[in-house]
N, C-alpha and C. Protein backbone atom coordinates (compact mmCIF):
# COMPACT_ATOMS: atom_id res chain seq x y z
N GLU A 1 -8.15 -4.58 -5.52
CA GLU A 1 -6.91 -5.10 -4.95
C GLU A 1 -5.73 -4.42 -5.64
N ALA A 2 -4.78 -4.01 -4.86
CA ALA A 2 -3.57 -3.37 -5.39
C ALA A 2 -2.36 -4.17 -4.94
N LEU A 3 -1.37 -4.20 -5.80
CA LEU A 3 -0.13 -4.90 -5.46
C LEU A 3 0.90 -3.91 -4.93
N LEU A 4 1.70 -4.37 -3.98
CA LEU A 4 2.83 -3.57 -3.52
C LEU A 4 4.07 -4.11 -4.23
N ILE A 5 4.62 -3.28 -5.11
CA ILE A 5 5.80 -3.67 -5.90
C ILE A 5 6.97 -2.82 -5.43
N TYR A 6 8.01 -3.47 -4.96
CA TYR A 6 9.22 -2.77 -4.52
C TYR A 6 10.24 -2.82 -5.64
N ASP A 7 10.68 -1.65 -6.07
CA ASP A 7 11.71 -1.52 -7.09
C ASP A 7 13.03 -1.26 -6.38
N GLU A 8 13.85 -2.30 -6.26
CA GLU A 8 15.15 -2.16 -5.61
C GLU A 8 16.28 -2.26 -6.63
N ILE A 9 16.02 -1.75 -7.82
CA ILE A 9 17.01 -1.78 -8.89
C ILE A 9 18.29 -1.09 -8.43
N GLN A 10 18.19 0.05 -7.77
CA GLN A 10 19.37 0.77 -7.30
C GLN A 10 19.70 0.48 -5.84
N MET A 11 18.71 0.31 -4.99
CA MET A 11 18.97 0.22 -3.56
C MET A 11 19.26 -1.18 -3.05
N GLY A 12 18.98 -2.18 -3.83
CA GLY A 12 19.17 -3.54 -3.36
C GLY A 12 20.63 -3.92 -3.16
N PHE A 13 20.84 -5.03 -2.52
CA PHE A 13 22.15 -5.63 -2.34
C PHE A 13 23.11 -4.75 -1.53
N ALA A 14 22.67 -4.40 -0.32
CA ALA A 14 23.50 -3.83 0.74
C ALA A 14 23.67 -2.32 0.70
N ARG A 15 23.25 -1.63 -0.33
CA ARG A 15 23.48 -0.19 -0.45
C ARG A 15 22.92 0.59 0.73
N THR A 16 21.74 0.19 1.24
CA THR A 16 21.10 0.94 2.31
C THR A 16 21.35 0.36 3.70
N GLY A 17 22.34 -0.50 3.81
CA GLY A 17 22.69 -1.05 5.12
C GLY A 17 22.04 -2.37 5.46
N LYS A 18 21.20 -2.85 4.61
CA LYS A 18 20.61 -4.20 4.71
C LYS A 18 20.76 -4.82 3.33
N LEU A 19 20.65 -6.13 3.24
CA LEU A 19 20.78 -6.76 1.93
C LEU A 19 19.75 -6.16 0.97
N PHE A 20 18.52 -6.00 1.46
CA PHE A 20 17.46 -5.37 0.67
C PHE A 20 16.94 -4.15 1.42
N CYS A 21 16.66 -3.09 0.72
CA CYS A 21 16.15 -1.86 1.32
C CYS A 21 14.86 -2.12 2.10
N LEU A 22 14.01 -3.00 1.59
CA LEU A 22 12.74 -3.28 2.24
C LEU A 22 12.92 -3.79 3.66
N GLU A 23 14.08 -4.37 3.98
CA GLU A 23 14.35 -4.84 5.34
C GLU A 23 14.44 -3.67 6.32
N ASN A 24 14.81 -2.49 5.85
CA ASN A 24 14.84 -1.31 6.71
C ASN A 24 13.43 -0.90 7.11
N GLU A 25 12.44 -1.27 6.31
CA GLU A 25 11.05 -0.89 6.55
C GLU A 25 10.24 -2.00 7.20
N GLY A 26 10.76 -3.23 7.18
CA GLY A 26 10.00 -4.36 7.71
C GLY A 26 8.80 -4.71 6.87
N ILE A 27 8.92 -4.51 5.56
CA ILE A 27 7.80 -4.73 4.64
C ILE A 27 8.08 -5.95 3.76
N VAL A 28 7.04 -6.72 3.48
CA VAL A 28 7.13 -7.81 2.52
C VAL A 28 6.23 -7.46 1.35
N PRO A 29 6.82 -7.08 0.21
CA PRO A 29 5.99 -6.69 -0.95
C PRO A 29 5.43 -7.90 -1.68
N ASP A 30 4.49 -7.65 -2.56
CA ASP A 30 3.96 -8.71 -3.42
C ASP A 30 4.97 -9.07 -4.50
N VAL A 31 5.71 -8.06 -4.95
CA VAL A 31 6.70 -8.24 -6.02
C VAL A 31 7.95 -7.46 -5.65
N LEU A 32 9.10 -8.06 -5.91
CA LEU A 32 10.38 -7.40 -5.69
C LEU A 32 11.15 -7.42 -7.01
N CYS A 33 11.58 -6.24 -7.46
CA CYS A 33 12.37 -6.12 -8.69
C CYS A 33 13.80 -5.78 -8.32
N LEU A 34 14.76 -6.51 -8.91
CA LEU A 34 16.18 -6.31 -8.65
C LEU A 34 16.94 -6.24 -9.96
N ALA A 35 18.09 -5.60 -9.94
CA ALA A 35 18.99 -5.58 -11.10
C ALA A 35 20.29 -4.92 -10.66
N LYS A 36 20.98 -4.28 -11.56
CA LYS A 36 22.22 -3.53 -11.37
C LYS A 36 23.15 -4.15 -10.33
N SER A 37 23.00 -3.81 -9.06
CA SER A 37 23.94 -4.27 -8.04
C SER A 37 23.89 -5.79 -7.84
N MET A 38 22.87 -6.40 -8.28
CA MET A 38 22.73 -7.86 -8.15
C MET A 38 23.86 -8.60 -8.85
N GLY A 39 24.28 -8.11 -10.01
CA GLY A 39 25.27 -8.81 -10.81
C GLY A 39 26.70 -8.38 -10.55
N GLY A 40 26.92 -7.43 -9.65
CA GLY A 40 28.28 -6.99 -9.37
C GLY A 40 28.98 -6.48 -10.62
N GLY A 41 28.25 -5.84 -11.51
CA GLY A 41 28.81 -5.31 -12.74
C GLY A 41 28.36 -6.04 -13.99
N MET A 42 27.83 -7.22 -13.83
CA MET A 42 27.29 -7.97 -14.97
C MET A 42 25.79 -7.65 -15.10
N PRO A 43 25.28 -7.62 -16.34
CA PRO A 43 23.85 -7.29 -16.52
C PRO A 43 22.96 -8.46 -16.12
N ILE A 44 22.12 -8.21 -15.12
CA ILE A 44 21.16 -9.23 -14.69
C ILE A 44 20.01 -8.52 -13.99
N GLY A 45 18.86 -9.11 -14.02
CA GLY A 45 17.70 -8.58 -13.33
C GLY A 45 16.88 -9.72 -12.80
N ALA A 46 16.02 -9.39 -11.83
CA ALA A 46 15.16 -10.42 -11.24
C ALA A 46 13.80 -9.82 -10.91
N PHE A 47 12.79 -10.63 -11.09
CA PHE A 47 11.42 -10.31 -10.72
C PHE A 47 11.03 -11.40 -9.74
N ILE A 48 10.84 -11.05 -8.48
CA ILE A 48 10.64 -12.04 -7.42
C ILE A 48 9.24 -11.89 -6.84
N SER A 49 8.57 -13.03 -6.73
CA SER A 49 7.23 -13.02 -6.16
C SER A 49 6.86 -14.44 -5.74
N SER A 50 5.72 -14.57 -5.13
CA SER A 50 5.23 -15.90 -4.76
C SER A 50 4.82 -16.66 -6.01
N LYS A 51 4.76 -17.97 -5.90
CA LYS A 51 4.32 -18.78 -7.04
C LYS A 51 2.90 -18.41 -7.43
N GLU A 52 2.05 -18.15 -6.45
CA GLU A 52 0.67 -17.76 -6.72
C GLU A 52 0.61 -16.45 -7.52
N MET A 53 1.41 -15.48 -7.11
CA MET A 53 1.43 -14.19 -7.81
C MET A 53 2.01 -14.36 -9.21
N MET A 54 3.06 -15.14 -9.34
CA MET A 54 3.65 -15.37 -10.66
C MET A 54 2.64 -16.02 -11.59
N ASN A 55 1.86 -16.96 -11.07
CA ASN A 55 0.84 -17.61 -11.89
C ASN A 55 -0.22 -16.61 -12.34
N LYS A 56 -0.58 -15.66 -11.48
CA LYS A 56 -1.56 -14.63 -11.86
C LYS A 56 -1.01 -13.75 -12.97
N LEU A 57 0.30 -13.52 -12.96
CA LEU A 57 0.92 -12.61 -13.92
C LEU A 57 1.40 -13.30 -15.20
N THR A 58 1.24 -14.60 -15.29
CA THR A 58 1.73 -15.34 -16.45
C THR A 58 0.87 -15.11 -17.69
N PHE A 59 -0.41 -14.81 -17.50
CA PHE A 59 -1.32 -14.63 -18.62
C PHE A 59 -1.92 -13.23 -18.59
N ASN A 60 -2.20 -12.72 -19.77
CA ASN A 60 -2.84 -11.41 -19.92
C ASN A 60 -2.08 -10.29 -19.25
N PRO A 61 -0.94 -9.86 -19.68
CA PRO A 61 -0.26 -10.31 -20.89
C PRO A 61 0.59 -11.55 -20.61
N SER A 62 0.76 -12.31 -21.61
CA SER A 62 1.54 -13.53 -21.49
C SER A 62 3.00 -13.18 -21.20
N LEU A 63 3.50 -13.66 -20.09
CA LEU A 63 4.89 -13.47 -19.66
C LEU A 63 5.32 -12.00 -19.68
N GLY A 64 4.41 -11.10 -19.34
CA GLY A 64 4.70 -9.68 -19.36
C GLY A 64 5.65 -9.24 -18.26
N HIS A 65 6.02 -10.13 -17.35
CA HIS A 65 6.85 -9.76 -16.21
C HIS A 65 8.31 -10.20 -16.35
N ILE A 66 8.68 -10.79 -17.48
CA ILE A 66 10.05 -11.28 -17.59
C ILE A 66 11.03 -10.11 -17.71
N THR A 67 12.30 -10.40 -17.42
CA THR A 67 13.31 -9.36 -17.42
C THR A 67 14.21 -9.46 -18.64
N THR A 68 14.72 -8.35 -19.08
CA THR A 68 15.61 -8.31 -20.24
C THR A 68 16.91 -9.05 -19.97
N PHE A 69 17.43 -8.91 -18.75
CA PHE A 69 18.73 -9.48 -18.43
C PHE A 69 18.65 -10.67 -17.47
N GLY A 70 17.60 -11.45 -17.50
CA GLY A 70 17.45 -12.55 -16.56
C GLY A 70 17.99 -13.87 -17.09
N GLY A 71 18.63 -14.61 -16.22
CA GLY A 71 18.89 -16.00 -16.47
C GLY A 71 20.11 -16.42 -17.26
N HIS A 72 20.92 -15.54 -17.80
CA HIS A 72 22.10 -15.97 -18.53
C HIS A 72 23.07 -16.64 -17.56
N PRO A 73 23.63 -17.80 -17.90
CA PRO A 73 24.47 -18.54 -16.95
C PRO A 73 25.68 -17.76 -16.43
N VAL A 74 26.34 -16.98 -17.27
CA VAL A 74 27.51 -16.22 -16.81
C VAL A 74 27.07 -15.14 -15.83
N CYS A 75 25.99 -14.44 -16.16
CA CYS A 75 25.48 -13.39 -15.27
C CYS A 75 24.96 -13.98 -13.96
N ALA A 76 24.31 -15.12 -14.04
CA ALA A 76 23.82 -15.78 -12.83
C ALA A 76 24.99 -16.19 -11.93
N ALA A 77 26.07 -16.69 -12.50
CA ALA A 77 27.26 -17.06 -11.72
C ALA A 77 27.88 -15.81 -11.08
N ALA A 78 27.91 -14.72 -11.83
CA ALA A 78 28.44 -13.46 -11.29
C ALA A 78 27.58 -12.96 -10.14
N ALA A 79 26.26 -13.08 -10.28
CA ALA A 79 25.34 -12.64 -9.22
C ALA A 79 25.55 -13.47 -7.96
N LEU A 80 25.73 -14.76 -8.11
CA LEU A 80 25.96 -15.63 -6.96
C LEU A 80 27.29 -15.27 -6.28
N ALA A 81 28.33 -15.08 -7.06
CA ALA A 81 29.63 -14.70 -6.51
C ALA A 81 29.54 -13.35 -5.80
N ASN A 82 28.82 -12.42 -6.40
CA ASN A 82 28.61 -11.10 -5.81
C ASN A 82 27.91 -11.22 -4.46
N LEU A 83 26.85 -12.01 -4.40
CA LEU A 83 26.11 -12.21 -3.17
C LEU A 83 27.00 -12.82 -2.09
N GLU A 84 27.82 -13.78 -2.47
CA GLU A 84 28.73 -14.40 -1.50
C GLU A 84 29.70 -13.38 -0.92
N VAL A 85 30.25 -12.51 -1.75
CA VAL A 85 31.17 -11.47 -1.27
C VAL A 85 30.43 -10.50 -0.36
N LEU A 86 29.24 -10.05 -0.76
CA LEU A 86 28.46 -9.13 0.06
C LEU A 86 28.23 -9.69 1.46
N LEU A 87 27.89 -10.97 1.53
CA LEU A 87 27.61 -11.60 2.82
C LEU A 87 28.88 -11.87 3.61
N GLU A 88 29.90 -12.44 2.96
CA GLU A 88 31.15 -12.78 3.65
C GLU A 88 31.86 -11.55 4.20
N GLU A 89 31.84 -10.46 3.44
CA GLU A 89 32.54 -9.25 3.85
C GLU A 89 31.63 -8.29 4.62
N ASN A 90 30.41 -8.73 4.88
CA ASN A 90 29.45 -7.95 5.68
C ASN A 90 29.31 -6.53 5.16
N LEU A 91 29.16 -6.39 3.85
CA LEU A 91 29.14 -5.07 3.22
C LEU A 91 27.90 -4.26 3.56
N ALA A 92 26.80 -4.91 3.94
CA ALA A 92 25.61 -4.14 4.35
C ALA A 92 25.89 -3.38 5.64
N GLU A 93 26.43 -4.06 6.62
CA GLU A 93 26.76 -3.40 7.88
C GLU A 93 27.82 -2.33 7.67
N GLU A 94 28.78 -2.62 6.82
CA GLU A 94 29.81 -1.64 6.49
C GLU A 94 29.22 -0.41 5.80
N ALA A 95 28.19 -0.62 4.98
CA ALA A 95 27.54 0.51 4.32
C ALA A 95 26.93 1.44 5.36
N ASN A 96 26.35 0.88 6.41
CA ASN A 96 25.81 1.71 7.49
C ASN A 96 26.90 2.53 8.16
N ARG A 97 27.99 1.88 8.51
CA ARG A 97 29.09 2.55 9.18
C ARG A 97 29.68 3.65 8.29
N LYS A 98 29.89 3.33 7.03
CA LYS A 98 30.49 4.29 6.10
C LYS A 98 29.54 5.46 5.81
N GLY A 99 28.25 5.17 5.72
CA GLY A 99 27.28 6.25 5.54
C GLY A 99 27.31 7.22 6.70
N LYS A 100 27.45 6.69 7.91
CA LYS A 100 27.54 7.55 9.10
C LYS A 100 28.79 8.42 9.05
N LEU A 101 29.88 7.90 8.49
CA LEU A 101 31.10 8.71 8.34
C LEU A 101 30.84 9.90 7.43
N PHE A 102 30.15 9.68 6.33
CA PHE A 102 29.79 10.79 5.43
C PHE A 102 28.95 11.82 6.19
N VAL A 103 27.94 11.35 6.89
CA VAL A 103 27.05 12.27 7.60
C VAL A 103 27.83 13.05 8.64
N GLN A 104 28.66 12.38 9.43
CA GLN A 104 29.45 13.07 10.46
C GLN A 104 30.39 14.10 9.84
N SER A 105 30.92 13.81 8.68
CA SER A 105 31.84 14.73 8.02
C SER A 105 31.15 15.96 7.44
N LEU A 106 29.89 15.81 7.08
CA LEU A 106 29.19 16.88 6.35
C LEU A 106 28.08 17.58 7.14
N GLU A 107 27.63 16.99 8.23
CA GLU A 107 26.42 17.49 8.89
C GLU A 107 26.57 18.89 9.50
N LYS A 108 27.76 19.33 9.78
CA LYS A 108 27.94 20.64 10.42
C LYS A 108 28.08 21.78 9.41
N ILE A 109 27.98 21.49 8.14
CA ILE A 109 28.08 22.52 7.12
C ILE A 109 26.77 23.30 7.09
N GLU A 110 26.85 24.57 7.38
CA GLU A 110 25.66 25.41 7.54
C GLU A 110 24.77 25.45 6.30
N ALA A 111 25.36 25.40 5.13
CA ALA A 111 24.58 25.49 3.88
C ALA A 111 23.71 24.26 3.65
N ILE A 112 24.06 23.15 4.28
CA ILE A 112 23.28 21.91 4.11
C ILE A 112 22.08 21.95 5.04
N LYS A 113 20.92 21.87 4.43
CA LYS A 113 19.65 21.87 5.18
C LYS A 113 19.47 20.54 5.92
N GLU A 114 19.76 19.44 5.19
CA GLU A 114 19.52 18.11 5.76
C GLU A 114 20.31 17.08 4.97
N ILE A 115 20.72 16.02 5.66
CA ILE A 115 21.30 14.85 5.00
C ILE A 115 20.37 13.69 5.31
N ARG A 116 19.80 13.12 4.24
CA ARG A 116 18.86 12.00 4.40
C ARG A 116 19.45 10.76 3.75
N GLY A 117 18.93 9.64 4.16
CA GLY A 117 19.31 8.41 3.49
C GLY A 117 19.54 7.27 4.45
N SER A 118 20.12 6.24 3.90
CA SER A 118 20.39 5.04 4.65
C SER A 118 21.63 4.39 4.06
N GLY A 119 22.55 3.98 4.91
CA GLY A 119 23.77 3.34 4.42
C GLY A 119 24.52 4.26 3.50
N LEU A 120 24.87 3.76 2.32
CA LEU A 120 25.60 4.55 1.33
C LEU A 120 24.70 5.05 0.20
N MET A 121 23.47 5.36 0.53
CA MET A 121 22.54 6.01 -0.38
C MET A 121 22.07 7.27 0.34
N LEU A 122 22.75 8.38 0.08
CA LEU A 122 22.52 9.61 0.82
C LEU A 122 22.07 10.75 -0.09
N ALA A 123 21.25 11.63 0.45
CA ALA A 123 20.83 12.84 -0.26
C ALA A 123 21.29 14.03 0.56
N ILE A 124 22.00 14.94 -0.11
CA ILE A 124 22.42 16.20 0.50
C ILE A 124 21.43 17.26 0.03
N ASP A 125 20.72 17.85 0.96
CA ASP A 125 19.65 18.80 0.64
C ASP A 125 20.08 20.21 1.07
N PHE A 126 20.01 21.13 0.11
CA PHE A 126 20.33 22.54 0.37
C PHE A 126 19.05 23.35 0.52
N LYS A 127 19.21 24.57 0.93
CA LYS A 127 18.05 25.45 1.11
C LYS A 127 17.45 25.91 -0.21
N ASP A 128 18.26 25.93 -1.28
CA ASP A 128 17.71 26.37 -2.56
C ASP A 128 18.36 25.64 -3.73
N GLU A 129 17.64 25.66 -4.84
CA GLU A 129 18.04 24.96 -6.07
C GLU A 129 19.31 25.55 -6.68
N GLU A 130 19.44 26.86 -6.63
CA GLU A 130 20.60 27.53 -7.23
C GLU A 130 21.91 27.06 -6.59
N LEU A 131 21.93 26.99 -5.28
CA LEU A 131 23.14 26.52 -4.59
C LEU A 131 23.43 25.06 -4.95
N ASN A 132 22.40 24.24 -4.98
CA ASN A 132 22.57 22.84 -5.34
C ASN A 132 23.20 22.70 -6.73
N ASN A 133 22.68 23.46 -7.70
CA ASN A 133 23.21 23.40 -9.06
C ASN A 133 24.66 23.86 -9.12
N LYS A 134 24.98 24.93 -8.41
CA LYS A 134 26.37 25.41 -8.38
C LYS A 134 27.30 24.36 -7.78
N VAL A 135 26.88 23.76 -6.68
CA VAL A 135 27.71 22.73 -6.02
C VAL A 135 27.93 21.56 -6.96
N ILE A 136 26.88 21.09 -7.60
CA ILE A 136 27.00 19.95 -8.52
C ILE A 136 27.97 20.28 -9.65
N ASP A 137 27.85 21.47 -10.23
CA ASP A 137 28.75 21.87 -11.31
C ASP A 137 30.21 21.92 -10.85
N ILE A 138 30.45 22.47 -9.67
CA ILE A 138 31.82 22.57 -9.14
C ILE A 138 32.35 21.17 -8.80
N LEU A 139 31.50 20.32 -8.25
CA LEU A 139 31.93 18.94 -7.96
C LEU A 139 32.37 18.24 -9.24
N LEU A 140 31.63 18.42 -10.32
CA LEU A 140 32.00 17.82 -11.59
C LEU A 140 33.35 18.35 -12.09
N GLU A 141 33.56 19.65 -11.95
CA GLU A 141 34.84 20.24 -12.33
C GLU A 141 35.99 19.64 -11.52
N GLU A 142 35.70 19.27 -10.27
CA GLU A 142 36.71 18.67 -9.39
C GLU A 142 36.83 17.15 -9.60
N GLY A 143 36.03 16.61 -10.50
CA GLY A 143 36.12 15.19 -10.82
C GLY A 143 35.27 14.29 -9.95
N LEU A 144 34.34 14.87 -9.21
CA LEU A 144 33.46 14.07 -8.35
C LEU A 144 32.07 14.05 -8.96
N ILE A 145 31.61 12.87 -9.32
CA ILE A 145 30.31 12.73 -9.98
C ILE A 145 29.25 12.43 -8.93
N VAL A 146 28.22 13.26 -8.90
CA VAL A 146 27.06 13.04 -8.04
C VAL A 146 25.82 13.08 -8.92
N ASP A 147 24.74 12.58 -8.41
CA ASP A 147 23.49 12.50 -9.18
C ASP A 147 22.49 13.53 -8.71
N ARG A 148 21.83 14.16 -9.67
CA ARG A 148 20.70 15.04 -9.37
C ARG A 148 19.47 14.18 -9.12
N PHE A 149 18.52 14.75 -8.43
CA PHE A 149 17.21 14.12 -8.27
C PHE A 149 16.23 14.85 -9.18
N LEU A 150 15.54 14.13 -10.03
CA LEU A 150 14.55 14.74 -10.91
C LEU A 150 13.40 15.33 -10.12
N PHE A 151 13.07 14.72 -9.01
CA PHE A 151 11.90 15.12 -8.24
C PHE A 151 12.21 16.07 -7.08
N HIS A 152 13.49 16.37 -6.85
CA HIS A 152 13.84 17.24 -5.73
C HIS A 152 15.03 18.11 -6.13
N PRO A 153 14.79 19.30 -6.67
CA PRO A 153 15.84 20.12 -7.27
C PRO A 153 16.84 20.74 -6.29
N THR A 154 16.63 20.56 -5.00
CA THR A 154 17.58 21.13 -4.03
C THR A 154 18.53 20.07 -3.46
N CYS A 155 18.50 18.86 -4.03
CA CYS A 155 19.31 17.75 -3.50
C CYS A 155 20.23 17.15 -4.56
N PHE A 156 21.33 16.57 -4.08
CA PHE A 156 22.10 15.65 -4.90
C PHE A 156 22.38 14.39 -4.10
N ARG A 157 22.70 13.33 -4.83
CA ARG A 157 22.88 12.01 -4.21
C ARG A 157 24.36 11.66 -4.11
N ILE A 158 24.72 11.08 -2.99
CA ILE A 158 26.04 10.46 -2.82
C ILE A 158 25.78 8.96 -2.71
N ALA A 159 26.32 8.19 -3.64
CA ALA A 159 26.13 6.74 -3.66
C ALA A 159 27.42 6.08 -4.16
N PRO A 160 28.46 6.07 -3.32
CA PRO A 160 29.74 5.51 -3.75
C PRO A 160 29.73 3.98 -3.77
N PRO A 161 30.78 3.38 -4.31
CA PRO A 161 30.88 1.92 -4.26
C PRO A 161 30.86 1.43 -2.81
N LEU A 162 30.29 0.27 -2.59
CA LEU A 162 30.24 -0.29 -1.24
C LEU A 162 31.63 -0.53 -0.66
N ILE A 163 32.62 -0.69 -1.51
CA ILE A 163 33.97 -0.99 -1.03
C ILE A 163 34.81 0.26 -0.80
N ILE A 164 34.19 1.44 -0.83
CA ILE A 164 34.93 2.68 -0.57
C ILE A 164 35.62 2.57 0.79
N ILE A 165 36.85 3.05 0.87
CA ILE A 165 37.59 2.99 2.13
C ILE A 165 37.40 4.28 2.91
N ASP A 166 37.60 4.20 4.22
CA ASP A 166 37.37 5.36 5.09
C ASP A 166 38.18 6.58 4.67
N GLU A 167 39.41 6.37 4.26
CA GLU A 167 40.27 7.48 3.83
C GLU A 167 39.64 8.22 2.64
N LYS A 168 39.08 7.46 1.71
CA LYS A 168 38.44 8.07 0.54
C LYS A 168 37.16 8.82 0.94
N ILE A 169 36.44 8.31 1.93
CA ILE A 169 35.25 9.02 2.43
C ILE A 169 35.67 10.38 2.97
N LYS A 170 36.76 10.41 3.72
CA LYS A 170 37.26 11.68 4.26
C LYS A 170 37.69 12.61 3.13
N ASP A 171 38.37 12.08 2.12
CA ASP A 171 38.79 12.88 0.97
C ASP A 171 37.59 13.46 0.23
N VAL A 172 36.60 12.62 -0.04
CA VAL A 172 35.41 13.06 -0.76
C VAL A 172 34.64 14.11 0.05
N SER A 173 34.55 13.89 1.35
CA SER A 173 33.86 14.85 2.21
C SER A 173 34.55 16.21 2.16
N GLU A 174 35.87 16.21 2.14
CA GLU A 174 36.62 17.48 2.04
C GLU A 174 36.36 18.16 0.70
N ILE A 175 36.33 17.38 -0.35
CA ILE A 175 36.03 17.94 -1.68
C ILE A 175 34.64 18.57 -1.67
N VAL A 176 33.66 17.86 -1.11
CA VAL A 176 32.30 18.38 -1.05
C VAL A 176 32.27 19.68 -0.25
N LYS A 177 32.92 19.69 0.92
CA LYS A 177 32.96 20.91 1.75
C LYS A 177 33.56 22.08 0.97
N ASN A 178 34.69 21.85 0.32
CA ASN A 178 35.35 22.91 -0.44
C ASN A 178 34.49 23.40 -1.61
N CYS A 179 33.81 22.50 -2.26
CA CYS A 179 32.94 22.88 -3.38
C CYS A 179 31.75 23.69 -2.91
N ILE A 180 31.22 23.36 -1.74
CA ILE A 180 30.12 24.14 -1.18
C ILE A 180 30.60 25.56 -0.88
N LEU A 181 31.78 25.67 -0.27
CA LEU A 181 32.33 26.99 0.02
C LEU A 181 32.53 27.80 -1.26
N LYS A 182 33.07 27.15 -2.30
CA LYS A 182 33.25 27.83 -3.59
C LYS A 182 31.92 28.30 -4.16
N ALA A 183 30.92 27.45 -4.07
CA ALA A 183 29.60 27.77 -4.63
C ALA A 183 28.94 28.94 -3.91
N GLN A 184 29.25 29.11 -2.66
CA GLN A 184 28.66 30.20 -1.87
C GLN A 184 29.33 31.54 -2.14
N ASN A 185 30.52 31.54 -2.72
CA ASN A 185 31.25 32.78 -2.97
C ASN A 185 30.98 33.32 -4.36
């Protein structure tokens, strides 16, 4: 028997256009791990599972599934307030719309092989690693921080705050376009 464990430490809480990334797949895992975005900036984590599964994991090792940042009252209050804002302001649906703006702004750039992702968790994939590295370096010089992928050397990640405004998406897209052009010269 194998368990399906979903690690939504980065993707959870509306980033991919649904409250949880697993909703995009229609999957119900045995265990769901959450943190980072859950607390809206406060340190908190969660290990979610059925009571039956939790009972199986309680022994051998004893309480081996607990989280470092779980349960503090201030962090729990922040997580609840964060969840209320995410739901009231419909930030998951907005993440989908805003992600599409990024894609529409960047998809016609010839140097980009593919744009993958969901909501505001996007990967820009180039034809080769050298171009990707040059673009990332130039983006940093321009003050735009993007993340490399350890497992895919031709890509970088765009994962802005969920509250990014459309005007800033257009500005960032222009910066990315200009940096790609610089990297190609």
